[in-house]
């Protein structure tokens, strides 16, 4: 059994006071067959009343409205998660696996995870990459997934902040570099190209002393889940060439990033803004006690400096909050 404590800080600063913030967050880890969220708290400054609901994909969503004047908004999510051991994912399936997959799709509700979505679109660049990587209905679906996971890991250079939170999938494909968000969108588009249901997973990746992941440890992470006959949803992390296992902590799933941003909101005012994000994930073999003494933003200065986004130009009266790119 593995236990993880997660602290996720988001801070928005404004050059001039704003009069209202409306925000929705997806920071509360999911609970399913092998992952259980033992506790979750969301702290917001300025203080406000926070509401919660579960969306149609089973993601935990919190939302709030701060109507008073304020110059910064700080959100801190704290979680304790238990991960149960999972069996290893095999290297291949039976020879009739493509037929079994088609039957599964016909009998199930996977339409949303097969159609193009906002960021996972079948563009000419995606089709060309599919040709180069021989992404066709060959071998069996699981063998193709393992191979594609490795090929995308080799194809892309991992370069933090080389793309934007709203970059189209072509940008990373044509430049050959990106972050986990780009890796995941590319893999999803390629899998849907051959009619494998695929979805985007937002969450965190724990990095132990002996782990050598190339993704940024102090940010949220993203990977892919594909629906496989007899195995269910199986996770693949092309950024690190991993099959998702006990170190991958799932927060939300969707068609792509547009469905599951950690924060999504608007503010009322005309001002420049700065976004700071910092994440800490610690692991243990026994259930940890949740420390209720939340850190003030200054305690995160080292982590925050790495994740700082440059100020944006003045915005209209009502504008979207800056969104967190998944590194």
C-alpha atoms as a PDB file:
ATOM      1  CA  UNK A   1       0.000   0.000   0.000  1.00  0.00           C
ATOM      2  CA  UNK A   2       1.252   3.502  -0.848  1.00  0.00           C
ATOM      3  CA  UNK A   3       0.115   6.766   0.701  1.00  0.00           C
ATOM      4  CA  UNK A   4       0.654  10.233  -0.707  1.00  0.00           C
ATOM      5  CA  UNK A   5       0.207  13.715   0.705  1.00  0.00           C
ATOM      6  CA  UNK A   6      -0.331  16.395  -1.935  1.00  0.00           C
ATOM      7  CA  UNK A   7      -0.205  20.172  -1.512  1.00  0.00           C
ATOM      8  CA  UNK A   8      -1.134  22.257  -4.520  1.00  0.00           C
ATOM      9  CA  UNK A   9      -0.845  26.032  -4.316  1.00  0.00           C
ATOM     10  CA  UNK A  10      -2.173  28.476  -6.905  1.00  0.00           C
ATOM     11  CA  UNK A  11      -1.752  32.219  -6.513  1.00  0.00           C
ATOM     12  CA  UNK A  12      -3.084  34.995  -8.740  1.00  0.00           C
ATOM     13  CA  UNK A  13      -1.715  38.511  -8.177  1.00  0.00           C
ATOM     14  CA  UNK A  14      -3.180  41.635  -9.747  1.00  0.00           C
ATOM     15  CA  UNK A  15      -1.427  44.952 -10.380  1.00  0.00           C
ATOM     16  CA  UNK A  16      -4.660  46.758  -9.452  1.00  0.00           C
ATOM     17  CA  UNK A  17      -7.423  45.507  -7.125  1.00  0.00           C
ATOM     18  CA  UNK A  18     -10.204  43.560  -8.824  1.00  0.00           C
ATOM     19  CA  UNK A  19     -13.818  43.551  -7.678  1.00  0.00           C
ATOM     20  CA  UNK A  20     -14.770  39.883  -8.099  1.00  0.00           C
ATOM     21  CA  UNK A  21     -13.329  36.415  -8.726  1.00  0.00           C
ATOM     22  CA  UNK A  22     -15.391  33.437  -9.870  1.00  0.00           C
ATOM     23  CA  UNK A  23     -13.444  30.187  -9.858  1.00  0.00           C
ATOM     24  CA  UNK A  24     -13.879  26.459 -10.439  1.00  0.00           C
ATOM     25  CA  UNK A  25     -11.190  23.963  -9.358  1.00  0.00           C
ATOM     26  CA  UNK A  26     -10.437  20.300 -10.020  1.00  0.00           C
ATOM     27  CA  UNK A  27      -7.832  19.451  -7.376  1.00  0.00           C
ATOM     28  CA  UNK A  28      -9.721  16.791  -5.403  1.00  0.00           C
ATOM     29  CA  UNK A  29      -8.275  13.331  -6.312  1.00  0.00           C
ATOM     30  CA  UNK A  30     -10.691  10.701  -7.584  1.00  0.00           C
ATOM     31  CA  UNK A  31     -11.622   7.562  -5.679  1.00  0.00           C
ATOM     32  CA  UNK A  32     -11.982   4.369  -7.690  1.00  0.00           C
ATOM     33  CA  UNK A  33     -11.066   0.694  -7.592  1.00  0.00           C
ATOM     34  CA  UNK A  34      -7.394   1.169  -6.703  1.00  0.00           C
ATOM     35  CA  UNK A  35      -7.130   4.820  -5.588  1.00  0.00           C
ATOM     36  CA  UNK A  36      -8.887   6.270  -2.560  1.00  0.00           C
ATOM     37  CA  UNK A  37      -8.836   9.903  -1.486  1.00  0.00           C
ATOM     38  CA  UNK A  38      -8.775   9.699   2.308  1.00  0.00           C
ATOM     39  CA  UNK A  39      -9.059  13.441   2.922  1.00  0.00           C
ATOM     40  CA  UNK A  40      -9.209  16.699   1.006  1.00  0.00           C
ATOM     41  CA  UNK A  41      -9.315  20.345   2.056  1.00  0.00           C
ATOM     42  CA  UNK A  42      -9.476  23.451  -0.097  1.00  0.00           C
ATOM     43  CA  UNK A  43      -8.398  26.751   1.474  1.00  0.00           C
ATOM     44  CA  UNK A  44      -9.078  30.055  -0.257  1.00  0.00           C
ATOM     45  CA  UNK A  45      -7.861  33.563   0.532  1.00  0.00           C
ATOM     46  CA  UNK A  46      -9.724  35.929   0.664  1.00  0.00           C
ATOM     47  CA  UNK A  47     -12.020  33.682   2.686  1.00  0.00           C
ATOM     48  CA  UNK A  48     -15.247  32.633   1.023  1.00  0.00           C
ATOM     49  CA  UNK A  49     -17.810  29.872   0.973  1.00  0.00           C
ATOM     50  CA  UNK A  50     -16.776  26.945  -1.249  1.00  0.00           C
ATOM     51  CA  UNK A  51     -19.326  24.660  -2.920  1.00  0.00           C
ATOM     52  CA  UNK A  52     -18.746  21.222  -4.457  1.00  0.00           C
ATOM     53  CA  UNK A  53     -20.346  18.904  -6.991  1.00  0.00           C
ATOM     54  CA  UNK A  54     -19.393  15.896  -9.099  1.00  0.00           C
ATOM     55  CA  UNK A  55     -19.477  16.276 -12.881  1.00  0.00           C
ATOM     56  CA  UNK A  56     -20.828  13.695 -15.334  1.00  0.00           C
ATOM     57  CA  UNK A  57     -17.417  11.986 -15.608  1.00  0.00           C
ATOM     58  CA  UNK A  58     -17.161  11.540 -11.843  1.00  0.00           C
ATOM     59  CA  UNK A  59     -14.659  14.351 -11.262  1.00  0.00           C
ATOM     60  CA  UNK A  60     -14.841  16.288  -8.000  1.00  0.00           C
ATOM     61  CA  UNK A  61     -15.349  19.998  -8.707  1.00  0.00           C
ATOM     62  CA  UNK A  62     -15.227  22.921  -6.240  1.00  0.00           C
ATOM     63  CA  UNK A  63     -16.406  26.424  -7.051  1.00  0.00           C
ATOM     64  CA  UNK A  64     -16.649  29.781  -5.303  1.00  0.00           C
ATOM     65  CA  UNK A  65     -17.326  33.480  -5.824  1.00  0.00           C
ATOM     66  CA  UNK A  66     -15.378  36.287  -4.110  1.00  0.00           C
ATOM     67  CA  UNK A  67     -17.371  39.500  -4.696  1.00  0.00           C
ATOM     68  CA  UNK A  68     -15.225  41.872  -2.619  1.00  0.00           C
ATOM     69  CA  UNK A  69     -12.233  43.901  -3.762  1.00  0.00           C
ATOM     70  CA  UNK A  70      -8.900  42.043  -3.565  1.00  0.00           C
ATOM     71  CA  UNK A  71      -5.362  42.217  -5.004  1.00  0.00           C
ATOM     72  CA  UNK A  72      -4.529  38.507  -4.904  1.00  0.00           C
ATOM     73  CA  UNK A  73      -6.265  35.145  -4.823  1.00  0.00           C
ATOM     74  CA  UNK A  74      -4.605  32.154  -3.157  1.00  0.00           C
ATOM     75  CA  UNK A  75      -5.951  28.593  -3.446  1.00  0.00           C
ATOM     76  CA  UNK A  76      -4.364  25.680  -1.564  1.00  0.00           C
ATOM     77  CA  UNK A  77      -5.604  22.118  -2.040  1.00  0.00           C
ATOM     78  CA  UNK A  78      -4.405  19.425   0.373  1.00  0.00           C
ATOM     79  CA  UNK A  79      -5.048  15.720  -0.138  1.00  0.00           C
ATOM     80  CA  UNK A  80      -4.143  12.373   1.378  1.00  0.00           C
ATOM     81  CA  UNK A  81      -4.441   9.502  -1.113  1.00  0.00           C
ATOM     82  CA  UNK A  82      -4.122   5.745  -0.709  1.00  0.00           C
ATOM     83  CA  UNK A  83      -2.975   3.689  -3.700  1.00  0.00           C
ATOM     84  CA  UNK A  84      -3.562  -0.061  -3.689  1.00  0.00           C
ATOM     85  CA  UNK A  85      -1.255  -2.442  -5.583  1.00  0.00           C
ATOM     86  CA  UNK A  86      -2.228  -3.074  -9.197  1.00  0.00           C
ATOM     87  CA  UNK A  87      -1.366  -6.053 -11.403  1.00  0.00           C
ATOM     88  CA  UNK A  88       1.197  -5.454 -14.110  1.00  0.00           C
ATOM     89  CA  UNK A  89      -0.150  -4.565 -17.533  1.00  0.00           C
ATOM     90  CA  UNK A  90       0.728  -7.317 -20.052  1.00  0.00           C
ATOM     91  CA  UNK A  91       2.709  -6.650 -23.212  1.00  0.00           C
ATOM     92  CA  UNK A  92       0.081  -7.967 -25.615  1.00  0.00           C
ATOM     93  CA  UNK A  93      -3.431  -9.353 -25.906  1.00  0.00           C
ATOM     94  CA  UNK A  94      -5.088 -12.244 -27.728  1.00  0.00           C
ATOM     95  CA  UNK A  95      -5.020 -12.265 -31.571  1.00  0.00           C
ATOM     96  CA  UNK A  96      -8.693 -11.239 -31.761  1.00  0.00           C
ATOM     97  CA  UNK A  97      -8.199  -8.137 -29.597  1.00  0.00           C
ATOM     98  CA  UNK A  98      -9.146  -5.632 -32.318  1.00  0.00           C
ATOM     99  CA  UNK A  99     -12.464  -7.436 -32.821  1.00  0.00           C
ATOM    100  CA  UNK A 100     -13.022  -7.513 -29.065  1.00  0.00           C
ATOM    101  CA  UNK A 101     -12.288  -3.771 -28.904  1.00  0.00           C
ATOM    102  CA  UNK A 102     -14.808  -2.995 -31.656  1.00  0.00           C
ATOM    103  CA  UNK A 103     -17.455  -5.064 -29.872  1.00  0.00           C
ATOM    104  CA  UNK A 104     -16.688  -3.234 -26.641  1.00  0.00           C
ATOM    105  CA  UNK A 105     -17.072   0.138 -28.320  1.00  0.00           C
ATOM    106  CA  UNK A 106     -20.343  -0.857 -29.992  1.00  0.00           C
ATOM    107  CA  UNK A 107     -21.853  -2.017 -26.708  1.00  0.00           C
ATOM    108  CA  UNK A 108     -20.549   0.850 -24.563  1.00  0.00           C
ATOM    109  CA  UNK A 109     -20.772   4.630 -24.342  1.00  0.00           C
ATOM    110  CA  UNK A 110     -17.356   5.733 -25.613  1.00  0.00           C
ATOM    111  CA  UNK A 111     -18.390   8.182 -28.322  1.00  0.00           C
ATOM    112  CA  UNK A 112     -16.923  11.228 -26.571  1.00  0.00           C
ATOM    113  CA  UNK A 113     -13.548   9.521 -26.225  1.00  0.00           C
ATOM    114  CA  UNK A 114     -13.422   8.655 -29.927  1.00  0.00           C
ATOM    115  CA  UNK A 115     -14.416  11.976 -31.496  1.00  0.00           C
ATOM    116  CA  UNK A 116     -12.070  14.960 -31.996  1.00  0.00           C
ATOM    117  CA  UNK A 117     -12.084  17.410 -29.082  1.00  0.00           C
ATOM    118  CA  UNK A 118     -10.789  20.936 -28.572  1.00  0.00           C
ATOM    119  CA  UNK A 119      -7.097  20.002 -28.213  1.00  0.00           C
ATOM    120  CA  UNK A 120      -7.023  16.429 -29.530  1.00  0.00           C
ATOM    121  CA  UNK A 121      -7.863  17.006 -33.181  1.00  0.00           C
ATOM    122  CA  UNK A 122      -6.982  14.898 -36.226  1.00  0.00           C
ATOM    123  CA  UNK A 123      -5.043  17.566 -38.122  1.00  0.00           C
ATOM    124  CA  UNK A 124      -2.769  17.009 -41.147  1.00  0.00           C
ATOM    125  CA  UNK A 125       0.191  17.073 -38.746  1.00  0.00           C
ATOM    126  CA  UNK A 126      -1.400  14.315 -36.636  1.00  0.00           C
ATOM    127  CA  UNK A 127      -2.145  12.215 -39.723  1.00  0.00           C
ATOM    128  CA  UNK A 128       1.434  12.666 -40.954  1.00  0.00           C
ATOM    129  CA  UNK A 129       2.790  11.654 -37.531  1.00  0.00           C
ATOM    130  CA  UNK A 130       0.522   8.599 -37.545  1.00  0.00           C
ATOM    131  CA  UNK A 131       2.046   7.596 -40.897  1.00  0.00           C
ATOM    132  CA  UNK A 132       5.602   8.123 -39.637  1.00  0.00           C
ATOM    133  CA  UNK A 133       4.958   6.088 -36.491  1.00  0.00           C
ATOM    134  CA  UNK A 134       2.941   3.416 -38.311  1.00  0.00           C
ATOM    135  CA  UNK A 135      -0.113   3.993 -36.126  1.00  0.00           C
ATOM    136  CA  UNK A 136      -2.416   1.501 -37.824  1.00  0.00           C
ATOM    137  CA  UNK A 137      -4.568  -1.410 -36.719  1.00  0.00           C
ATOM    138  CA  UNK A 138      -1.728  -3.924 -36.613  1.00  0.00           C
ATOM    139  CA  UNK A 139      -0.568  -6.462 -34.019  1.00  0.00           C
ATOM    140  CA  UNK A 140      -3.047  -5.852 -31.190  1.00  0.00           C
ATOM    141  CA  UNK A 141      -4.251  -2.659 -29.433  1.00  0.00           C
ATOM    142  CA  UNK A 142      -2.089  -3.133 -26.335  1.00  0.00           C
ATOM    143  CA  UNK A 143       1.109  -3.787 -28.309  1.00  0.00           C
ATOM    144  CA  UNK A 144       0.403  -0.629 -30.314  1.00  0.00           C
ATOM    145  CA  UNK A 145      -0.086   1.381 -27.105  1.00  0.00           C
ATOM    146  CA  UNK A 146       3.208   0.229 -25.596  1.00  0.00           C
ATOM    147  CA  UNK A 147       5.033   1.029 -28.834  1.00  0.00           C
ATOM    148  CA  UNK A 148       3.397   4.429 -29.270  1.00  0.00           C
ATOM    149  CA  UNK A 149       4.182   5.353 -25.668  1.00  0.00           C
ATOM    150  CA  UNK A 150       7.871   4.698 -26.364  1.00  0.00           C
ATOM    151  CA  UNK A 151       7.890   6.421 -29.758  1.00  0.00           C
ATOM    152  CA  UNK A 152       6.307   9.629 -28.452  1.00  0.00           C
ATOM    153  CA  UNK A 153       8.798   9.649 -25.585  1.00  0.00           C
ATOM    154  CA  UNK A 154      11.610   9.458 -28.155  1.00  0.00           C
ATOM    155  CA  UNK A 155      10.015  11.866 -30.641  1.00  0.00           C
ATOM    156  CA  UNK A 156       9.393  14.790 -28.306  1.00  0.00           C
ATOM    157  CA  UNK A 157      12.011  16.775 -26.458  1.00  0.00           C
ATOM    158  CA  UNK A 158      10.649  17.646 -23.040  1.00  0.00           C
ATOM    159  CA  UNK A 159      11.025  21.431 -22.640  1.00  0.00           C
ATOM    160  CA  UNK A 160       9.050  23.144 -19.842  1.00  0.00           C
ATOM    161  CA  UNK A 161       7.061  26.188 -20.999  1.00  0.00           C
ATOM    162  CA  UNK A 162       7.983  25.560 -24.647  1.00  0.00           C
ATOM    163  CA  UNK A 163       4.245  25.730 -25.441  1.00  0.00           C
ATOM    164  CA  UNK A 164       1.305  27.603 -23.943  1.00  0.00           C
ATOM    165  CA  UNK A 165      -1.672  26.291 -22.023  1.00  0.00           C
ATOM    166  CA  UNK A 166      -3.837  26.821 -25.125  1.00  0.00           C
ATOM    167  CA  UNK A 167      -1.349  25.635 -27.759  1.00  0.00           C
ATOM    168  CA  UNK A 168      -2.866  23.498 -30.530  1.00  0.00           C
ATOM    169  CA  UNK A 169      -1.536  19.968 -30.906  1.00  0.00           C
ATOM    170  CA  UNK A 170       0.281  20.870 -34.153  1.00  0.00           C
ATOM    171  CA  UNK A 171       2.617  23.295 -32.389  1.00  0.00           C
ATOM    172  CA  UNK A 172       4.373  20.587 -30.387  1.00  0.00           C
ATOM    173  CA  UNK A 173       4.302  18.053 -33.244  1.00  0.00           C
ATOM    174  CA  UNK A 174       5.951  20.424 -35.713  1.00  0.00           C
ATOM    175  CA  UNK A 175       8.550  21.711 -33.236  1.00  0.00           C
ATOM    176  CA  UNK A 176       9.247  18.302 -31.708  1.00  0.00           C
ATOM    177  CA  UNK A 177       9.156  19.675 -28.171  1.00  0.00           C
ATOM    178  CA  UNK A 178       6.561  20.245 -25.508  1.00  0.00           C
ATOM    179  CA  UNK A 179       5.297  19.357 -22.044  1.00  0.00           C
ATOM    180  CA  UNK A 180       3.116  16.558 -20.698  1.00  0.00           C
ATOM    181  CA  UNK A 181      -0.045  18.318 -21.853  1.00  0.00           C
ATOM    182  CA  UNK A 182       1.230  18.211 -25.462  1.00  0.00           C
ATOM    183  CA  UNK A 183       2.399  14.589 -25.196  1.00  0.00           C
ATOM    184  CA  UNK A 184      -1.026  13.545 -23.906  1.00  0.00           C
ATOM    185  CA  UNK A 185      -3.009  15.442 -26.550  1.00  0.00           C
ATOM    186  CA  UNK A 186      -0.872  14.000 -29.340  1.00  0.00           C
ATOM    187  CA  UNK A 187      -1.249  10.442 -28.085  1.00  0.00           C
ATOM    188  CA  UNK A 188      -5.010  10.826 -27.658  1.00  0.00           C
ATOM    189  CA  UNK A 189      -5.389  12.142 -31.215  1.00  0.00           C
ATOM    190  CA  UNK A 190      -3.333   9.238 -32.590  1.00  0.00           C
ATOM    191  CA  UNK A 191      -5.311   6.632 -30.642  1.00  0.00           C
ATOM    192  CA  UNK A 192      -8.651   8.028 -31.760  1.00  0.00           C
ATOM    193  CA  UNK A 193      -7.276   7.920 -35.312  1.00  0.00           C
ATOM    194  CA  UNK A 194      -7.373   4.094 -35.064  1.00  0.00           C
ATOM    195  CA  UNK A 195     -10.633   3.998 -33.075  1.00  0.00           C
ATOM    196  CA  UNK A 196      -9.189   3.297 -29.633  1.00  0.00           C
ATOM    197  CA  UNK A 197     -11.173   5.205 -26.977  1.00  0.00           C
ATOM    198  CA  UNK A 198      -8.727   7.529 -25.218  1.00  0.00           C
ATOM    199  CA  UNK A 199      -9.107  10.140 -22.504  1.00  0.00           C
ATOM    200  CA  UNK A 200      -6.972  12.793 -20.823  1.00  0.00           C
ATOM    201  CA  UNK A 201      -5.967  12.341 -17.182  1.00  0.00           C
ATOM    202  CA  UNK A 202      -5.034  15.267 -14.961  1.00  0.00           C
ATOM    203  CA  UNK A 203      -3.238  14.645 -11.691  1.00  0.00           C
ATOM    204  CA  UNK A 204       0.112  14.374  -9.982  1.00  0.00           C
ATOM    205  CA  UNK A 205       3.187  12.159 -10.328  1.00  0.00           C
ATOM    206  CA  UNK A 206       5.125  11.220  -7.210  1.00  0.00           C
ATOM    207  CA  UNK A 207       8.889  11.195  -7.705  1.00  0.00           C
ATOM    208  CA  UNK A 208      10.876   9.070  -5.270  1.00  0.00           C
ATOM    209  CA  UNK A 209      14.589   9.164  -4.663  1.00  0.00           C
ATOM    210  CA  UNK A 210      15.280   6.458  -7.257  1.00  0.00           C
ATOM    211  CA  UNK A 211      12.871   7.754  -9.909  1.00  0.00           C
ATOM    212  CA  UNK A 212      14.266   9.657 -12.877  1.00  0.00           C
ATOM    213  CA  UNK A 213      11.182  11.121 -14.541  1.00  0.00           C
ATOM    214  CA  UNK A 214      11.813  14.001 -16.900  1.00  0.00           C
ATOM    215  CA  UNK A 215       8.548  15.787 -16.123  1.00  0.00           C
ATOM    216  CA  UNK A 216       8.671  18.701 -13.696  1.00  0.00           C
ATOM    217  CA  UNK A 217       8.103  17.456 -10.107  1.00  0.00           C
ATOM    218  CA  UNK A 218       6.641  20.717  -8.742  1.00  0.00           C
ATOM    219  CA  UNK A 219       3.715  20.977 -11.170  1.00  0.00           C
ATOM    220  CA  UNK A 220       0.575  19.056 -12.042  1.00  0.00           C
ATOM    221  CA  UNK A 221       0.965  16.195 -14.503  1.00  0.00           C
ATOM    222  CA  UNK A 222      -1.071  14.730 -17.382  1.00  0.00           C
ATOM    223  CA  UNK A 223      -1.174  11.378 -19.126  1.00  0.00           C
ATOM    224  CA  UNK A 224      -3.524   9.186 -21.182  1.00  0.00           C
ATOM    225  CA  UNK A 225      -5.931   6.355 -20.483  1.00  0.00           C
ATOM    226  CA  UNK A 226      -7.047   3.974 -23.233  1.00  0.00           C
ATOM    227  CA  UNK A 227      -9.981   1.554 -23.021  1.00  0.00           C
ATOM    228  CA  UNK A 228      -8.651  -1.961 -23.553  1.00  0.00           C
ATOM    229  CA  UNK A 229     -10.682  -5.201 -23.740  1.00  0.00           C
ATOM    230  CA  UNK A 230     -10.547  -7.258 -20.515  1.00  0.00           C
ATOM    231  CA  UNK A 231      -8.323  -4.643 -18.801  1.00  0.00           C
ATOM    232  CA  UNK A 232     -10.535  -1.556 -18.601  1.00  0.00           C
ATOM    233  CA  UNK A 233      -8.970   1.906 -18.695  1.00  0.00           C
ATOM    234  CA  UNK A 234      -5.180   1.555 -18.820  1.00  0.00           C
ATOM    235  CA  UNK A 235      -2.929   4.579 -18.250  1.00  0.00           C
ATOM    236  CA  UNK A 236       0.098   5.495 -20.382  1.00  0.00           C
ATOM    237  CA  UNK A 237       2.493   8.335 -19.644  1.00  0.00           C
ATOM    238  CA  UNK A 238       4.385   9.185 -22.871  1.00  0.00           C
ATOM    239  CA  UNK A 239       6.238  12.068 -21.192  1.00  0.00           C
ATOM    240  CA  UNK A 240       8.151   9.559 -19.047  1.00  0.00           C
ATOM    241  CA  UNK A 241       7.586   6.351 -21.043  1.00  0.00           C
ATOM    242  CA  UNK A 242       5.662   4.773 -18.171  1.00  0.00           C
ATOM    243  CA  UNK A 243       2.565   2.679 -17.788  1.00  0.00           C
ATOM    244  CA  UNK A 244       0.707   4.580 -15.071  1.00  0.00           C
ATOM    245  CA  UNK A 245       0.912   2.746 -11.779  1.00  0.00           C
ATOM    246  CA  UNK A 246       0.951   3.539  -8.087  1.00  0.00           C
ATOM    247  CA  UNK A 247       2.937   6.798  -8.526  1.00  0.00           C
ATOM    248  CA  UNK A 248       0.287   8.373 -10.767  1.00  0.00           C
ATOM    249  CA  UNK A 249      -2.385  10.122  -8.701  1.00  0.00           C
ATOM    250  CA  UNK A 250      -5.548  10.778 -10.721  1.00  0.00           C
ATOM    251  CA  UNK A 251      -7.478  13.987 -10.120  1.00  0.00           C
ATOM    252  CA  UNK A 252      -9.800  14.251 -13.131  1.00  0.00           C
ATOM    253  CA  UNK A 253     -10.475  12.670 -16.527  1.00  0.00           C
ATOM    254  CA  UNK A 254     -11.936  14.204 -19.680  1.00  0.00           C
ATOM    255  CA  UNK A 255     -11.765  14.426 -23.457  1.00  0.00           C
ATOM    256  CA  UNK A 256      -8.706  16.688 -23.177  1.00  0.00           C
ATOM    257  CA  UNK A 257      -7.291  19.477 -21.001  1.00  0.00           C
ATOM    258  CA  UNK A 258     -10.279  21.753 -21.689  1.00  0.00           C
ATOM    259  CA  UNK A 259     -12.459  19.427 -19.561  1.00  0.00           C
ATOM    260  CA  UNK A 260     -10.148  19.182 -16.549  1.00  0.00           C
ATOM    261  CA  UNK A 261      -8.044  22.320 -15.855  1.00  0.00           C
ATOM    262  CA  UNK A 262      -6.983  22.507 -12.184  1.00  0.00           C
ATOM    263  CA  UNK A 263      -8.372  26.065 -12.069  1.00  0.00           C
ATOM    264  CA  UNK A 264     -10.789  27.792 -14.417  1.00  0.00           C
ATOM    265  CA  UNK A 265     -12.469  31.109 -13.777  1.00  0.00           C
ATOM    266  CA  UNK A 266     -13.019  34.771 -14.534  1.00  0.00           C
ATOM    267  CA  UNK A 267     -12.346  38.029 -12.703  1.00  0.00           C
ATOM    268  CA  UNK A 268     -13.951  41.440 -12.893  1.00  0.00           C
ATOM    269  CA  UNK A 269     -11.537  44.317 -13.444  1.00  0.00           C
ATOM    270  CA  UNK A 270      -8.967  45.806 -15.802  1.00  0.00           C
ATOM    271  CA  UNK A 271      -5.512  44.854 -14.594  1.00  0.00           C
ATOM    272  CA  UNK A 272      -2.353  42.902 -15.344  1.00  0.00           C
ATOM    273  CA  UNK A 273      -2.072  39.564 -13.535  1.00  0.00           C
ATOM    274  CA  UNK A 274       0.549  37.039 -12.501  1.00  0.00           C
ATOM    275  CA  UNK A 275       0.032  33.316 -11.971  1.00  0.00           C
ATOM    276  CA  UNK A 276       2.121  31.229  -9.551  1.00  0.00           C
ATOM    277  CA  UNK A 277       1.760  27.459  -9.177  1.00  0.00           C
ATOM    278  CA  UNK A 278       3.578  25.048  -6.870  1.00  0.00           C
ATOM    279  CA  UNK A 279       2.985  21.373  -6.095  1.00  0.00           C
ATOM    280  CA  UNK A 280       4.479  19.110  -3.431  1.00  0.00           C
ATOM    281  CA  UNK A 281       3.871  15.346  -3.357  1.00  0.00           C
ATOM    282  CA  UNK A 282       5.318  13.251  -0.529  1.00  0.00           C
ATOM    283  CA  UNK A 283       4.996   9.493  -0.121  1.00  0.00           C
ATOM    284  CA  UNK A 284       4.946   7.075   2.795  1.00  0.00           C
ATOM    285  CA  UNK A 285       4.219   3.430   3.575  1.00  0.00           C
ATOM    286  CA  UNK A 286       1.734   4.285   6.335  1.00  0.00           C
ATOM    287  CA  UNK A 287      -1.199   6.703   6.452  1.00  0.00           C
ATOM    288  CA  UNK A 288       0.200  10.220   7.025  1.00  0.00           C
ATOM    289  CA  UNK A 289      -1.464  12.771   9.274  1.00  0.00           C
ATOM    290  CA  UNK A 290      -2.702  15.798   7.388  1.00  0.00           C
ATOM    291  CA  UNK A 291      -0.964  18.901   8.669  1.00  0.00           C
ATOM    292  CA  UNK A 292      -3.656  21.516   9.146  1.00  0.00           C
ATOM    293  CA  UNK A 293      -1.150  24.378   9.386  1.00  0.00           C
ATOM    294  CA  UNK A 294      -1.277  25.495   5.799  1.00  0.00           C
ATOM    295  CA  UNK A 295       1.781  27.274   4.385  1.00  0.00           C
ATOM    296  CA  UNK A 296       1.519  30.913   3.475  1.00  0.00           C
ATOM    297  CA  UNK A 297       2.592  31.678  -0.107  1.00  0.00           C
ATOM    298  CA  UNK A 298       6.015  32.965   0.974  1.00  0.00           C
ATOM    299  CA  UNK A 299       6.869  29.458   2.228  1.00  0.00           C
ATOM    300  CA  UNK A 300       6.685  28.302  -1.368  1.00  0.00           C
ATOM    301  CA  UNK A 301       9.019  30.948  -2.788  1.00  0.00           C
ATOM    302  CA  UNK A 302      11.563  28.510  -4.239  1.00  0.00           C
ATOM    303  CA  UNK A 303       8.924  26.373  -5.952  1.00  0.00           C
ATOM    304  CA  UNK A 304       6.883  29.356  -7.025  1.00  0.00           C
ATOM    305  CA  UNK A 305       9.825  31.062  -8.716  1.00  0.00           C
ATOM    306  CA  UNK A 306      10.207  28.134 -11.109  1.00  0.00           C
ATOM    307  CA  UNK A 307       6.542  28.137 -12.067  1.00  0.00           C
ATOM    308  CA  UNK A 308       6.086  31.896 -12.380  1.00  0.00           C
ATOM    309  CA  UNK A 309       4.343  33.152 -15.482  1.00  0.00           C
ATOM    310  CA  UNK A 310       5.214  36.637 -16.804  1.00  0.00           C
ATOM    311  CA  UNK A 311       2.660  39.435 -16.282  1.00  0.00           C
ATOM    312  CA  UNK A 312       0.014  39.701 -18.952  1.00  0.00           C
ATOM    313  CA  UNK A 313      -1.120  43.018 -20.487  1.00  0.00           C
ATOM    314  CA  UNK A 314      -4.186  44.829 -19.149  1.00  0.00           C
ATOM    315  CA  UNK A 315      -7.398  42.944 -19.818  1.00  0.00           C
ATOM    316  CA  UNK A 316     -11.032  43.927 -20.442  1.00  0.00           C
ATOM    317  CA  UNK A 317     -13.535  44.473 -17.658  1.00  0.00           C
ATOM    318  CA  UNK A 318     -14.446  40.776 -17.428  1.00  0.00           C
ATOM    319  CA  UNK A 319     -11.708  38.332 -18.377  1.00  0.00           C
ATOM    320  CA  UNK A 320     -10.662  34.713 -17.956  1.00  0.00           C
ATOM    321  CA  UNK A 321      -8.169  33.905 -15.238  1.00  0.00           C
ATOM    322  CA  UNK A 322      -4.826  32.629 -16.443  1.00  0.00           C
ATOM    323  CA  UNK A 323      -4.868  28.827 -16.584  1.00  0.00           C
ATOM    324  CA  UNK A 324      -2.258  26.368 -15.327  1.00  0.00           C
ATOM    325  CA  UNK A 325      -0.349  24.501 -18.005  1.00  0.00           C
ATOM    326  CA  UNK A 326       0.305  20.912 -17.038  1.00  0.00           C
ATOM    327  CA  UNK A 327       4.061  20.381 -17.122  1.00  0.00           C
END
